[in-house]
Amino acid sequence: MNDVRVVRAFIRARGRAPVSWSDRYVSVFTLTVVALVLADPLTSALAAVTAGASQVDPSRLGAGIAVVTLGYAGFLSLARMFGPVVLPAADAAWLLLSPLPRRSVLRRTSAILLAVSLAAGAALSLALFAVLAGSAGHGTLVVVTAVVVGLSAAVGGMGAAVIAQSSPAWDSWLRGAVGCLVVAAVLAAVAGSGPGRHALAAVADAPRSLGAAVVSSSAATALVLVRQAWRALGRIRASSLLATSTRAGHIAAAAVVMDPGALTWAAEENHWRARTLRSRPWPALLSRGAPRPLRAVSAPLATAWHDWRRLVRRPRRSAALLGTAALPALAAQALGGTSPVAVAVLATGALAAAVVCTAGARRDAENPGLARLLGVNARAVLAARALLPALMSAAWLSLALVGLVVTGALTGSWWLLGPLAAPALAAGALRMARRRPIDHSLPVIDTPAGPVPTGWIVWAMTGVDLTVLGCAPLLVALMVRPPVTGALLVAQSVFGVAILAAFLLGARTGVRRG
């Protein structure tokens, strides 16, 4: 039995009931409703881009190209991270190790990957049109260039990720390509606000022959990569497919139970599972030989020390996280000033930088019995665990504010607000790490936009509420943009310290709740 279609037909005949006409009708009706729901916002966004394209400042071209390039680099990183070739659990257990042709087993997965890459290409094409329409007019060539280049980049990138899954050399090249895209985004952002502005203007006013050459070369490259990816399907190792299928199973389980926290645990466990860690001596402050006045704080600091070691053992992630501090400046340069989008990116990035350093607090909340066995005051340990998130968020927020000052979106010593807002960010991150799973028993609220589950809102706002309250002076100042004065600095320092102190005093120890 070497035909996969025969095997699948045999499984369907002895498994679930065959698909009826009503099932097909429900599927088609669902797809139609989704298309109609998405059609109006997409049409409105395209009309807004077309109407405002003639008023867009050409100097924002560099920032727009940088944002699109970073989005494409993120797409390639996600494709490489998740496989991209995966199989359902049943196929991975029974069909993958059978004598069936590997390429035939993966045919259905290939169709899904093609659909995902086309959807990503459509989003990329819309972003390219938004960038190019403001400086190159509304000609047909601009639309064709945006559509073809966007679809070709997405499909070709997915093909390269498939080839990388079967070849370590291609995997190294793909990582290098992601790094080159990040560097190109930085250069485009710098060129858009510096002496390279004239070069970008020249590229925007390039002749039609150059646009036709870009379209044809991108399409040809995508076709070659898709052909090579189809050939590489038969060379992907079974161990790689089993690993990616297990990862996809964790994601599916998290989606079914609606617990996004399970995804982070799966990613964390998958990273550390196959690594051998070397032992390092502890600092003198954390050992038994610490000076007598410091022994009261040495035990809580020693309990929180593994968070610092975890951060040091992943230098690439820390460097990438600090590199994202340039995103608020790019958003401000592309949209003009400190817009709500730039402020949202700034707040989200600062909170994410603090959340990265809270794995220990989350472990304590998941297993409070282990924390009690250590014989250390739980509140003191929680205070010790707040040091690293505060320092990391202070560094990220200070770099982001410096970027906004350099690009001209802000003026003055705004970077001083970064360390002052760090205590509130640490409190919000620790509260997020200690929150309970989503309570799906909470009622659903009917709104003009549709039903909204209360459990999701409560879960999502846990931790964010403390951050918004503690960083209220900074957020208001970013919207109003007053000069940085001593009163603003004092207000932010008081809010940040007060929120962290209130969180530490009111936190419940020994139970899973912040």
Protein backbone atom coordinates (compact mmCIF):
# COMPACT_ATOMS: atom_id res chain seq x y z
CA MET A 1 0.00 0.00 0.00
CA ASN A 2 2.20 2.84 -1.30
CA ASP A 3 -0.54 5.35 -2.14
CA VAL A 4 -1.25 7.86 0.61
CA ARG A 5 -4.72 8.56 -0.78
CA VAL A 6 -5.66 4.89 -0.33
CA VAL A 7 -4.39 4.93 3.25
CA ARG A 8 -6.27 8.11 4.12
CA ALA A 9 -9.45 6.75 2.50
CA PHE A 10 -9.07 3.57 4.55
CA ILE A 11 -8.69 5.62 7.77
CA ARG A 12 -11.68 7.83 6.94
CA ALA A 13 -13.85 4.79 6.12
CA ARG A 14 -13.23 3.30 9.57
CA GLY A 15 -13.04 6.53 11.53
CA ARG A 16 -15.42 9.40 11.78
CA ALA A 17 -18.55 9.75 9.68
CA PRO A 18 -18.10 10.93 6.10
CA VAL A 19 -18.46 14.62 5.33
CA SER A 20 -22.08 15.45 4.46
CA TRP A 21 -23.50 18.24 2.33
CA SER A 22 -24.51 20.13 5.48
CA ASP A 23 -20.90 20.04 6.70
CA ARG A 24 -19.69 21.46 3.41
CA TYR A 25 -22.42 24.11 3.53
CA VAL A 26 -21.36 25.17 7.04
CA SER A 27 -17.71 25.40 5.95
CA VAL A 28 -18.52 27.48 2.88
CA PHE A 29 -20.91 29.70 4.85
CA THR A 30 -18.26 30.28 7.55
CA LEU A 31 -15.63 31.25 4.99
CA THR A 32 -18.10 33.59 3.29
CA VAL A 33 -18.97 35.32 6.56
CA VAL A 34 -15.29 35.72 7.44
CA ALA A 35 -14.59 37.19 4.00
CA LEU A 36 -17.48 39.65 4.33
CA VAL A 37 -16.37 40.70 7.83
CA LEU A 38 -12.79 41.31 6.70
CA ALA A 39 -13.74 42.98 3.42
CA ASP A 40 -15.03 46.21 4.96
CA PRO A 41 -12.00 47.04 7.18
CA LEU A 42 -9.57 46.07 4.43
CA THR A 43 -11.39 48.22 1.89
CA SER A 44 -11.52 51.12 4.33
CA ALA A 45 -7.79 50.80 5.07
CA LEU A 46 -6.95 50.68 1.36
CA ALA A 47 -9.15 53.71 0.67
CA ALA A 48 -7.50 55.62 3.54
CA VAL A 49 -4.05 54.80 2.20
CA THR A 50 -5.02 55.85 -1.31
CA ALA A 51 -6.68 59.08 -0.14
CA GLY A 52 -3.81 60.12 2.12
CA ALA A 53 -0.96 58.95 -0.08
CA SER A 54 -0.49 62.29 -1.79
CA GLN A 55 -0.18 64.00 1.60
CA VAL A 56 2.42 61.61 3.04
CA ASP A 57 5.82 63.14 3.68
CA PRO A 58 8.41 61.45 1.41
CA SER A 59 10.90 61.57 4.30
CA ARG A 60 8.87 58.84 6.00
CA LEU A 61 9.73 56.43 3.22
CA GLY A 62 12.78 55.12 5.08
CA ALA A 63 10.81 54.44 8.26
CA GLY A 64 8.07 52.68 6.29
CA ILE A 65 10.58 50.47 4.49
CA ALA A 66 12.21 49.67 7.83
CA VAL A 67 8.89 48.62 9.39
CA VAL A 68 8.00 46.41 6.40
CA THR A 69 11.47 44.85 6.42
CA LEU A 70 11.27 44.10 10.14
CA GLY A 71 7.81 42.55 9.64
CA TYR A 72 9.20 40.29 6.91
CA ALA A 73 12.14 39.32 9.13
CA GLY A 74 9.64 38.41 11.86
CA PHE A 75 7.68 36.29 9.37
CA LEU A 76 10.80 34.34 8.42
CA SER A 77 11.75 33.90 12.07
CA LEU A 78 8.32 32.54 12.94
CA ALA A 79 8.38 30.16 9.95
CA ARG A 80 11.77 28.86 11.02
CA MET A 81 10.73 28.63 14.68
CA PHE A 82 7.58 26.57 14.06
CA GLY A 83 9.06 24.19 11.54
CA PRO A 84 7.47 25.19 9.23
CA VAL A 85 6.52 21.67 8.06
CA VAL A 86 4.39 20.01 10.73
CA LEU A 87 2.03 17.04 10.87
CA PRO A 88 -1.01 16.23 12.99
CA ALA A 89 -0.33 13.92 15.90
CA ALA A 90 -1.99 10.92 14.21
CA ASP A 91 -0.07 11.33 10.96
CA ALA A 92 3.21 11.85 12.82
CA ALA A 93 2.61 8.67 14.85
CA TRP A 94 1.39 6.35 12.08
CA LEU A 95 2.14 7.67 8.59
CA LEU A 96 5.48 9.43 9.06
CA LEU A 97 7.49 6.29 9.92
CA SER A 98 5.62 4.09 7.46
CA PRO A 99 7.04 3.10 4.05
CA LEU A 100 4.80 5.66 2.35
CA PRO A 101 6.60 8.34 0.28
CA ARG A 102 7.50 11.25 2.55
CA ARG A 103 6.48 13.86 -0.02
CA SER A 104 3.02 12.34 -0.41
CA VAL A 105 2.49 12.29 3.36
CA LEU A 106 3.37 15.99 3.51
CA ARG A 107 1.20 17.03 0.55
CA ARG A 108 -1.65 18.33 2.71
CA THR A 109 0.77 20.24 4.95
CA SER A 110 2.29 21.83 1.84
CA ALA A 111 -1.10 23.13 0.76
CA ILE A 112 -1.66 24.66 4.21
CA LEU A 113 1.77 26.32 4.12
CA LEU A 114 0.99 27.77 0.70
CA ALA A 115 -2.30 29.22 1.98
CA VAL A 116 -0.55 30.73 5.03
CA SER A 117 2.19 32.26 2.88
CA LEU A 118 -0.40 33.74 0.48
CA ALA A 119 -2.25 35.34 3.40
CA ALA A 120 1.02 36.75 4.75
CA GLY A 121 1.90 37.93 1.26
CA ALA A 122 -1.40 39.79 1.00
CA ALA A 123 -0.66 41.64 4.25
CA LEU A 124 2.88 42.38 3.09
CA SER A 125 1.58 43.66 -0.26
CA LEU A 126 -0.83 46.04 1.49
CA ALA A 127 2.02 47.36 3.66
CA LEU A 128 4.25 47.84 0.60
CA PHE A 129 1.50 49.70 -1.22
CA ALA A 130 1.05 51.97 1.81
CA VAL A 131 4.78 52.74 1.75
CA LEU A 132 5.22 53.18 -2.01
CA ALA A 133 1.98 55.03 -2.75
CA GLY A 134 3.05 58.11 -0.83
CA SER A 135 6.15 58.70 -2.91
CA ALA A 136 5.59 57.04 -6.23
CA GLY A 137 2.04 58.03 -7.16
CA HIS A 138 -0.89 55.74 -7.87
CA GLY A 139 0.14 54.17 -11.13
CA THR A 140 -0.64 50.60 -12.07
CA LEU A 141 3.05 49.72 -11.78
CA VAL A 142 3.02 50.59 -8.06
CA VAL A 143 0.09 48.26 -7.40
CA VAL A 144 1.59 45.45 -9.47
CA THR A 145 4.99 45.88 -7.81
CA ALA A 146 3.51 45.81 -4.30
CA VAL A 147 1.35 42.75 -5.00
CA VAL A 148 3.96 40.70 -6.84
CA VAL A 149 6.85 41.57 -4.54
CA GLY A 150 4.77 40.97 -1.39
CA LEU A 151 3.41 37.61 -2.54
CA SER A 152 6.77 36.51 -3.94
CA ALA A 153 8.60 37.44 -0.74
CA ALA A 154 6.13 35.54 1.46
CA VAL A 155 5.93 32.44 -0.73
CA GLY A 156 9.66 32.41 -1.41
CA GLY A 157 10.44 32.95 2.27
CA MET A 158 8.22 30.04 3.26
CA GLY A 159 9.95 27.91 0.64
CA ALA A 160 13.35 28.88 2.03
CA ALA A 161 12.17 27.93 5.53
CA VAL A 162 11.06 24.51 4.24
CA ILE A 163 14.47 23.96 2.62
CA ALA A 164 16.18 25.10 5.83
CA GLN A 165 14.30 22.42 7.78
CA SER A 166 15.94 19.75 5.62
CA SER A 167 19.42 21.30 5.36
CA PRO A 168 21.58 22.70 8.21
CA ALA A 169 23.46 24.84 5.68
CA TRP A 170 20.24 26.46 4.47
CA ASP A 171 19.20 26.96 8.08
CA SER A 172 22.39 28.93 8.72
CA TRP A 173 21.83 30.96 5.56
CA LEU A 174 18.25 31.70 6.60
CA ARG A 175 19.42 32.96 9.99
CA GLY A 176 21.95 35.11 8.18
CA ALA A 177 19.22 36.44 5.88
CA VAL A 178 17.11 37.44 8.90
CA GLY A 179 20.11 39.26 10.36
CA CYS A 180 20.74 41.04 7.04
CA LEU A 181 17.08 42.12 6.93
CA VAL A 182 17.37 43.61 10.41
CA VAL A 183 20.53 45.48 9.39
CA ALA A 184 18.82 46.69 6.20
CA ALA A 185 15.89 47.96 8.27
CA VAL A 186 18.26 49.91 10.51
CA LEU A 187 20.05 51.40 7.50
CA ALA A 188 16.74 52.37 5.88
CA ALA A 189 15.58 54.07 9.07
CA VAL A 190 18.88 55.94 9.39
CA ALA A 191 18.85 56.92 5.72
CA GLY A 192 15.30 58.25 5.99
CA SER A 193 16.28 60.79 8.63
CA GLY A 194 19.81 61.57 7.46
CA PRO A 195 21.80 62.29 4.34
CA GLY A 196 20.44 59.17 2.63
CA ARG A 197 17.06 60.83 2.15
CA HIS A 198 18.00 61.90 -1.36
CA ALA A 199 18.95 58.31 -2.24
CA LEU A 200 15.57 57.08 -1.07
CA ALA A 201 13.86 59.79 -3.08
CA ALA A 202 15.81 58.68 -6.15
CA VAL A 203 14.73 55.08 -5.58
CA ALA A 204 11.11 56.18 -5.22
CA ASP A 205 11.28 58.03 -8.54
CA ALA A 206 13.00 55.11 -10.31
CA PRO A 207 12.02 54.42 -13.95
CA ARG A 208 9.43 51.85 -14.88
CA SER A 209 12.07 49.49 -16.25
CA LEU A 210 13.58 49.11 -12.77
CA GLY A 211 10.16 48.30 -11.31
CA ALA A 212 9.54 45.69 -14.02
CA ALA A 213 12.94 44.15 -13.33
CA VAL A 214 12.20 43.94 -9.60
CA VAL A 215 8.82 42.31 -10.27
CA SER A 216 10.19 39.71 -12.68
CA SER A 217 13.23 38.84 -10.55
CA SER A 218 11.20 38.46 -7.34
CA ALA A 219 8.65 36.22 -9.07
CA ALA A 220 11.37 34.08 -10.65
CA THR A 221 13.20 33.72 -7.32
CA ALA A 222 10.00 32.69 -5.57
CA LEU A 223 9.27 30.03 -8.18
CA VAL A 224 12.78 28.59 -7.87
CA LEU A 225 12.51 28.46 -4.07
CA VAL A 226 9.09 26.79 -4.21
CA ARG A 227 10.44 24.16 -6.61
CA GLN A 228 13.43 23.47 -4.38
CA ALA A 229 11.17 23.31 -1.32
CA TRP A 230 8.96 20.70 -3.01
CA ARG A 231 12.03 18.60 -3.71
CA ALA A 232 13.29 19.07 -0.14
CA LEU A 233 10.09 17.66 1.39
CA GLY A 234 11.34 14.13 0.84
CA ARG A 235 14.66 14.87 2.60
CA ILE A 236 13.31 16.28 5.86
CA ARG A 237 14.40 14.07 8.76
CA ALA A 238 11.75 12.25 10.72
CA SER A 239 13.20 13.54 14.01
CA SER A 240 12.70 17.12 12.85
CA LEU A 241 9.11 16.44 11.80
CA LEU A 242 8.36 14.70 15.09
CA ALA A 243 9.79 17.65 17.06
CA THR A 244 7.81 20.24 15.09
CA SER A 245 4.65 18.12 15.30
CA THR A 246 5.02 17.89 19.09
CA ARG A 247 5.42 21.66 19.22
CA ALA A 248 2.33 22.09 17.06
CA GLY A 249 0.45 19.76 19.42
CA HIS A 250 1.33 21.99 22.38
CA ILE A 251 0.05 25.00 20.44
CA ALA A 252 -3.18 23.21 19.52
CA ALA A 253 -3.72 22.12 23.12
CA ALA A 254 -3.19 25.68 24.34
CA ALA A 255 -5.68 26.92 21.75
CA VAL A 256 -8.29 24.33 22.75
CA VAL A 257 -8.10 25.09 26.47
CA MET A 258 -7.63 28.81 25.69
CA ASP A 259 -4.57 29.16 27.93
CA PRO A 260 -1.91 31.30 26.21
CA GLY A 261 0.43 30.73 29.14
CA ALA A 262 0.87 27.12 28.06
CA LEU A 263 2.62 28.35 24.90
CA THR A 264 5.33 30.15 26.84
CA TRP A 265 5.91 27.14 29.07
CA ALA A 266 6.19 24.88 26.01
CA ALA A 267 8.70 27.23 24.37
CA GLU A 268 10.71 27.51 27.59
CA GLU A 269 10.84 23.76 28.18
CA ASN A 270 11.70 23.09 24.55
CA HIS A 271 14.66 25.49 24.77
CA TRP A 272 16.24 24.04 27.90
CA ARG A 273 15.41 20.36 27.36
CA ALA A 274 18.40 19.46 25.13
CA ARG A 275 21.00 21.77 26.70
CA THR A 276 23.78 20.90 29.10
CA LEU A 277 24.43 23.75 31.51
CA ARG A 278 27.75 24.43 33.14
CA SER A 279 28.06 25.14 36.82
CA ARG A 280 29.26 28.54 37.95
CA PRO A 281 30.24 29.72 41.47
CA TRP A 282 27.72 31.97 43.14
CA PRO A 283 28.62 35.56 43.98
CA ALA A 284 30.00 36.13 47.46
CA LEU A 285 26.93 38.17 48.37
CA LEU A 286 24.73 35.09 47.94
CA SER A 287 26.96 32.58 49.73
CA ARG A 288 27.13 31.69 53.38
CA GLY A 289 30.25 33.81 53.70
CA ALA A 290 28.36 37.04 53.06
CA PRO A 291 28.91 39.85 55.59
CA ARG A 292 26.62 39.71 58.62
CA PRO A 293 24.62 42.88 57.76
CA LEU A 294 23.82 41.42 54.34
CA ARG A 295 22.80 37.92 55.45
CA ALA A 296 19.18 39.00 55.85
CA VAL A 297 18.93 39.74 52.11
CA SER A 298 21.34 37.09 50.84
CA ALA A 299 18.79 34.24 51.03
CA PRO A 300 16.05 36.00 48.97
CA LEU A 301 18.65 37.17 46.45
CA ALA A 302 20.03 33.64 46.19
CA THR A 303 16.53 32.33 45.46
CA ALA A 304 16.12 34.90 42.67
CA TRP A 305 19.64 34.38 41.29
CA HIS A 306 18.61 31.75 38.73
CA ASP A 307 16.55 34.42 36.90
CA TRP A 308 19.79 36.32 36.31
CA ARG A 309 21.56 33.15 35.17
CA ARG A 310 18.68 32.35 32.81
CA LEU A 311 18.98 35.79 31.24
CA VAL A 312 22.77 35.53 30.85
CA ARG A 313 22.51 32.09 29.25
CA ARG A 314 20.35 33.50 26.43
CA PRO A 315 22.40 36.48 25.20
CA ARG A 316 20.87 36.46 21.71
CA ARG A 317 17.37 36.88 23.03
CA SER A 318 18.50 39.71 25.32
CA ALA A 319 20.28 41.45 22.45
CA ALA A 320 17.24 41.07 20.19
CA LEU A 321 14.98 42.40 22.92
CA LEU A 322 17.14 45.47 23.45
CA GLY A 323 17.27 45.93 19.68
CA THR A 324 13.50 46.22 19.55
CA ALA A 325 13.84 49.47 21.52
CA ALA A 326 14.14 51.17 18.12
CA LEU A 327 10.55 50.23 17.17
CA PRO A 328 8.86 53.20 18.92
CA ALA A 329 11.17 55.60 17.06
CA LEU A 330 10.37 53.88 13.75
CA ALA A 331 6.63 54.05 14.46
CA ALA A 332 6.89 57.72 15.39
CA GLN A 333 8.89 58.51 12.27
CA ALA A 334 6.56 56.59 9.98
CA LEU A 335 3.31 57.98 11.46
CA GLY A 336 4.52 61.42 12.48
CA GLY A 337 5.26 62.35 16.10
CA THR A 338 4.31 60.44 19.23
CA SER A 339 1.09 59.00 17.87
CA PRO A 340 -1.02 56.58 19.93
CA VAL A 341 0.53 53.72 17.96
CA ALA A 342 4.05 54.79 18.95
CA VAL A 343 3.00 55.17 22.60
CA ALA A 344 1.36 51.73 22.52
CA VAL A 345 4.51 50.17 21.04
CA LEU A 346 6.60 51.92 23.69
CA ALA A 347 4.44 50.68 26.59
CA THR A 348 4.11 47.15 25.20
CA GLY A 349 7.83 46.80 24.60
CA ALA A 350 8.77 48.06 28.06
CA LEU A 351 6.33 45.66 29.73
CA ALA A 352 7.55 42.77 27.54
CA ALA A 353 11.15 43.48 28.57
CA ALA A 354 10.10 43.11 32.21
CA VAL A 355 7.96 40.00 31.61
CA VAL A 356 10.90 38.14 30.04
CA CYS A 357 12.63 38.15 33.45
CA THR A 358 9.76 36.75 35.55
CA ALA A 359 10.06 32.99 34.93
CA GLY A 360 11.03 32.38 38.57
CA ALA A 361 8.01 34.23 39.93
CA ARG A 362 5.75 32.27 37.64
CA ARG A 363 7.37 29.01 38.78
CA ASP A 364 6.75 29.96 42.41
CA ALA A 365 3.09 30.69 41.64
CA GLU A 366 2.70 27.37 39.82
CA ASN A 367 4.32 25.39 42.66
CA PRO A 368 4.02 27.29 45.97
CA GLY A 369 4.98 24.15 47.91
CA LEU A 370 8.52 24.28 46.53
CA ALA A 371 8.85 27.93 47.55
CA ARG A 372 7.77 27.04 51.11
CA LEU A 373 10.36 24.25 51.30
CA LEU A 374 13.14 26.80 50.80
CA GLY A 375 12.41 28.31 54.20
CA VAL A 376 12.70 31.89 52.93
CA ASN A 377 10.19 34.68 53.41
CA ALA A 378 8.01 34.59 50.28
CA ARG A 379 7.45 38.35 50.24
CA ALA A 380 11.19 39.00 50.46
CA VAL A 381 11.76 36.58 47.56
CA LEU A 382 9.12 38.41 45.51
CA ALA A 383 10.87 41.71 46.22
CA ALA A 384 14.20 40.17 45.15
CA ARG A 385 12.62 38.89 41.95
CA ALA A 386 11.49 42.45 41.14
CA LEU A 387 15.08 43.70 40.74
CA LEU A 388 15.85 42.07 37.39
CA PRO A 389 12.56 43.06 35.66
CA ALA A 390 13.03 46.60 36.89
CA LEU A 391 16.57 46.85 35.53
CA MET A 392 15.67 45.25 32.18
CA SER A 393 12.61 47.44 31.64
CA ALA A 394 14.59 50.54 32.69
CA ALA A 395 17.28 49.77 30.10
CA TRP A 396 14.72 49.09 27.34
CA LEU A 397 12.58 52.13 28.09
CA SER A 398 15.58 54.45 28.36
CA LEU A 399 16.90 53.26 24.98
CA ALA A 400 13.46 53.68 23.40
CA LEU A 401 13.10 57.22 24.76
CA VAL A 402 16.60 58.09 23.54
CA GLY A 403 15.56 56.86 20.08
CA LEU A 404 12.49 59.10 20.15
CA VAL A 405 14.67 62.05 21.11
CA VAL A 406 17.20 61.32 18.36
CA THR A 407 14.47 61.14 15.69
CA GLY A 408 13.02 64.45 16.87
CA ALA A 409 9.71 63.08 18.17
CA LEU A 410 10.67 64.26 21.67
CA THR A 411 12.99 66.94 22.96
CA GLY A 412 14.71 67.02 26.32
CA SER A 413 15.96 64.53 28.88
CA TRP A 414 13.13 62.04 28.49
CA TRP A 415 15.43 59.10 29.11
CA LEU A 416 15.39 59.95 32.84
CA LEU A 417 11.80 58.71 32.99
CA GLY A 418 12.92 55.19 32.04
CA PRO A 419 14.48 54.20 35.40
CA LEU A 420 11.71 56.02 37.28
CA ALA A 421 8.98 54.01 35.55
CA ALA A 422 10.81 50.71 36.04
CA PRO A 423 9.29 49.85 39.47
CA ALA A 424 5.75 50.08 38.08
CA LEU A 425 6.74 47.94 35.09
CA ALA A 426 8.28 45.33 37.41
CA ALA A 427 5.11 45.26 39.52
CA GLY A 428 2.94 44.77 36.43
CA ALA A 429 5.22 42.02 35.09
CA LEU A 430 5.22 40.13 38.40
CA ARG A 431 1.43 40.41 38.60
CA MET A 432 1.17 38.99 35.07
CA ALA A 433 3.48 36.11 36.01
CA ARG A 434 1.32 35.23 39.05
CA ARG A 435 -2.12 35.49 37.44
CA ARG A 436 -4.50 32.55 37.29
CA PRO A 437 -5.52 30.80 34.05
CA ILE A 438 -8.44 32.26 32.13
CA ASP A 439 -11.73 31.78 33.97
CA HIS A 440 -14.17 30.80 31.22
CA SER A 441 -17.07 30.64 33.68
CA LEU A 442 -17.30 34.43 33.83
CA PRO A 443 -20.23 36.00 31.93
CA VAL A 444 -20.09 37.24 28.36
CA ILE A 445 -20.86 40.93 27.83
CA ASP A 446 -22.93 42.02 24.83
CA THR A 447 -21.43 45.10 23.14
CA PRO A 448 -22.20 46.90 19.85
CA ALA A 449 -19.09 45.19 18.42
CA GLY A 450 -20.35 41.76 19.48
CA PRO A 451 -20.11 39.47 22.53
CA VAL A 452 -16.96 39.92 24.62
CA PRO A 453 -15.87 37.18 27.07
CA THR A 454 -15.16 38.67 30.49
CA GLY A 455 -12.63 36.00 31.39
CA TRP A 456 -10.31 36.99 28.56
CA ILE A 457 -10.52 40.67 29.50
CA VAL A 458 -9.76 40.02 33.18
CA TRP A 459 -6.84 37.77 32.27
CA ALA A 460 -5.41 40.22 29.73
CA MET A 461 -5.73 43.26 32.00
CA THR A 462 -4.14 41.57 35.02
CA GLY A 463 -0.78 43.28 35.36
CA VAL A 464 -1.51 45.85 32.68
CA ASP A 465 -3.68 47.73 35.17
CA LEU A 466 -0.77 48.22 37.58
CA THR A 467 1.53 49.25 34.75
CA VAL A 468 -0.88 51.88 33.40
CA LEU A 469 -1.53 53.25 36.89
CA GLY A 470 2.14 53.34 37.83
CA CYS A 471 3.26 54.87 34.52
CA ALA A 472 0.36 57.37 34.31
CA PRO A 473 2.62 60.47 34.47
CA LEU A 474 4.83 59.11 31.68
CA LEU A 475 1.89 58.13 29.45
CA VAL A 476 0.16 61.49 29.91
CA ALA A 477 3.42 63.31 29.23
CA LEU A 478 3.95 61.34 26.00
CA MET A 479 0.54 62.43 24.73
CA VAL A 480 0.92 66.09 25.80
CA ARG A 481 4.73 66.32 25.33
CA PRO A 482 5.54 68.99 27.94
CA PRO A 483 9.16 69.85 28.78
CA VAL A 484 10.78 67.43 31.20
CA THR A 485 10.73 69.17 34.58
CA GLY A 486 11.49 68.17 38.11
CA ALA A 487 7.79 67.92 38.93
CA LEU A 488 7.25 65.35 36.18
CA LEU A 489 10.24 63.30 37.36
CA VAL A 490 9.07 63.40 40.98
CA ALA A 491 5.52 62.43 40.03
CA GLN A 492 6.71 59.44 38.01
CA SER A 493 9.10 58.29 40.74
CA VAL A 494 6.36 58.52 43.40
CA PHE A 495 3.83 56.64 41.25
CA GLY A 496 6.31 53.90 40.34
CA VAL A 497 7.60 53.25 43.86
CA ALA A 498 4.11 53.44 45.37
CA ILE A 499 2.69 50.88 42.93
CA LEU A 500 5.56 48.44 43.52
CA ALA A 501 5.32 48.83 47.30
CA ALA A 502 1.54 48.35 47.24
CA PHE A 503 1.91 45.24 45.09
CA LEU A 504 4.54 43.68 47.37
CA LEU A 505 2.52 44.44 50.52
CA GLY A 506 -0.76 43.21 49.07
CA ALA A 507 0.56 40.16 47.20
CA ARG A 508 -0.73 36.84 48.48
CA THR A 509 2.08 34.40 49.20
CA GLY A 510 1.57 30.68 48.96
CA VAL A 511 -1.30 30.88 46.45
CA ARG A 512 -1.32 31.41 42.75
CA ARG A 513 -2.53 34.96 42.59
CA GLY A 514 -0.85 38.39 42.52
